Amino acid sequence: MSSKRYPEEFKIETVKQITERGHPVAEVASRIGVSQHSLYAWLKRYSLPESEGSERCGQAEEIRRLKAELKRVSEERDILKKATAYFAKESR
C-alpha cells in the first residue's frame, strides 16, 4: 500500500481553499483525489488559530500601509533631487 506524498505547499493551499474560500471538505477531497480524513488532518495541522489569523491580517494591513508610505516618500525624494539639480544648474 503506497500512499502519494504531497508537498507542504500543496497541503497549505488545499487548507486555504477550505478555510478562506469556503469550499466544502467533501468537494475538495473528491476534486484533488484525497480522502476526507486526510483533509481533516491537514486542516488540523495547517490551519491557523483564530488569534494568529487576525494577527496576520493586521500585519498584512501594516505592510500595505508601509509600502504606500514608502512609495510616497520615494516620490518626494525624487522630486527634491530634481529640484536640487535644477537650482544647482541655475546658480552657475
Protein backbone atom coordinates (compact mmCIF):
# COMPACT_ATOMS: atom_id res chain seq x y z
CA MET A 1 0.00 0.00 0.00
CA SER A 2 1.80 3.08 -1.25
CA SER A 3 0.44 6.48 -0.43
CA LYS A 4 1.18 9.52 -2.54
CA ARG A 5 3.17 12.21 -0.74
CA TYR A 6 2.03 15.76 -1.31
CA PRO A 7 4.29 18.80 -0.88
CA GLU A 8 3.61 21.00 2.12
CA GLU A 9 2.73 23.99 -0.13
CA PHE A 10 0.03 21.87 -1.80
CA LYS A 11 -1.44 20.95 1.58
CA ILE A 12 -1.42 24.56 2.77
CA GLU A 13 -3.13 25.75 -0.42
CA THR A 14 -5.73 23.00 -0.07
CA VAL A 15 -6.44 24.07 3.51
CA LYS A 16 -6.84 27.67 2.31
CA GLN A 17 -9.48 26.52 -0.17
CA ILE A 18 -11.50 25.17 2.72
CA THR A 19 -10.86 27.81 5.38
CA GLU A 20 -10.64 31.02 3.36
CA ARG A 21 -12.69 30.34 0.26
CA GLY A 22 -15.37 28.26 1.99
CA HIS A 23 -15.27 25.17 -0.22
CA PRO A 24 -16.73 22.04 1.42
CA VAL A 25 -14.25 19.39 2.55
CA ALA A 26 -16.02 16.65 0.58
CA GLU A 27 -15.88 18.67 -2.64
CA VAL A 28 -12.19 19.50 -2.29
CA ALA A 29 -11.37 15.89 -1.35
CA SER A 30 -13.07 14.48 -4.44
CA ARG A 31 -11.60 17.15 -6.71
CA ILE A 32 -7.97 16.51 -5.71
CA GLY A 33 -8.33 12.78 -5.04
CA VAL A 34 -7.57 12.75 -1.31
CA SER A 35 -9.65 11.20 1.44
CA GLN A 36 -11.70 13.44 3.68
CA HIS A 37 -9.84 12.00 6.65
CA SER A 38 -6.55 13.26 5.17
CA LEU A 39 -8.03 16.71 4.58
CA TYR A 40 -9.23 16.94 8.17
CA ALA A 41 -5.73 16.00 9.33
CA TRP A 42 -4.29 18.72 7.07
CA LEU A 43 -6.81 21.21 8.45
CA LYS A 44 -5.79 20.37 12.00
CA ARG A 45 -2.10 20.73 11.15
CA TYR A 46 -2.03 23.70 8.77
CA SER A 47 -4.96 25.94 9.64
CA LEU A 48 -4.11 28.97 11.73
CA PRO A 49 -5.69 29.58 15.11
CA GLU A 50 -8.12 32.50 15.13
CA SER A 51 -5.74 34.78 17.03
CA GLU A 52 -2.89 34.09 14.59
CA GLY A 53 -5.16 34.73 11.62
CA SER A 54 -6.23 38.12 12.89
CA GLU A 55 -2.62 38.94 13.78
CA ARG A 56 -1.50 38.11 10.25
CA CYS A 57 -4.32 40.22 8.85
CA GLY A 58 -3.14 43.15 10.98
CA GLN A 59 0.44 42.60 9.85
CA ALA A 60 -0.66 42.48 6.21
CA GLU A 61 -2.54 45.76 6.66
CA GLU A 62 0.52 47.37 8.22
CA ILE A 63 2.72 46.11 5.37
CA ARG A 64 0.31 47.64 2.81
CA ARG A 65 0.33 50.94 4.70
CA LEU A 66 4.13 50.98 4.96
CA LYS A 67 4.53 50.18 1.26
CA ALA A 68 2.23 53.07 0.36
CA GLU A 69 4.18 55.39 2.65
CA LEU A 70 7.49 54.21 1.17
CA LYS A 71 6.19 54.92 -2.33
CA ARG A 72 5.09 58.42 -1.33
CA VAL A 73 8.38 59.22 0.40
CA SER A 74 10.38 57.88 -2.55
CA GLU A 75 8.43 60.12 -4.92
CA GLU A 76 9.05 63.11 -2.66
CA ARG A 77 12.77 62.30 -2.55
CA ASP A 78 12.92 62.07 -6.36
CA ILE A 79 11.17 65.43 -6.70
CA LEU A 80 13.63 67.02 -4.26
CA LYS A 81 16.59 65.53 -6.16
CA LYS A 82 15.32 67.02 -9.41
CA ALA A 83 14.72 70.39 -7.76
CA THR A 84 18.21 70.38 -6.26
CA ALA A 85 19.74 69.60 -9.64
CA TYR A 86 17.66 72.33 -11.29
CA PHE A 87 18.61 75.02 -8.77
CA ALA A 88 22.25 73.95 -8.77
CA LYS A 89 22.31 74.39 -12.55
CA GLU A 90 20.54 77.78 -12.28
CA SER A 91 23.04 79.17 -9.74
CA ARG A 92 26.02 78.61 -12.03
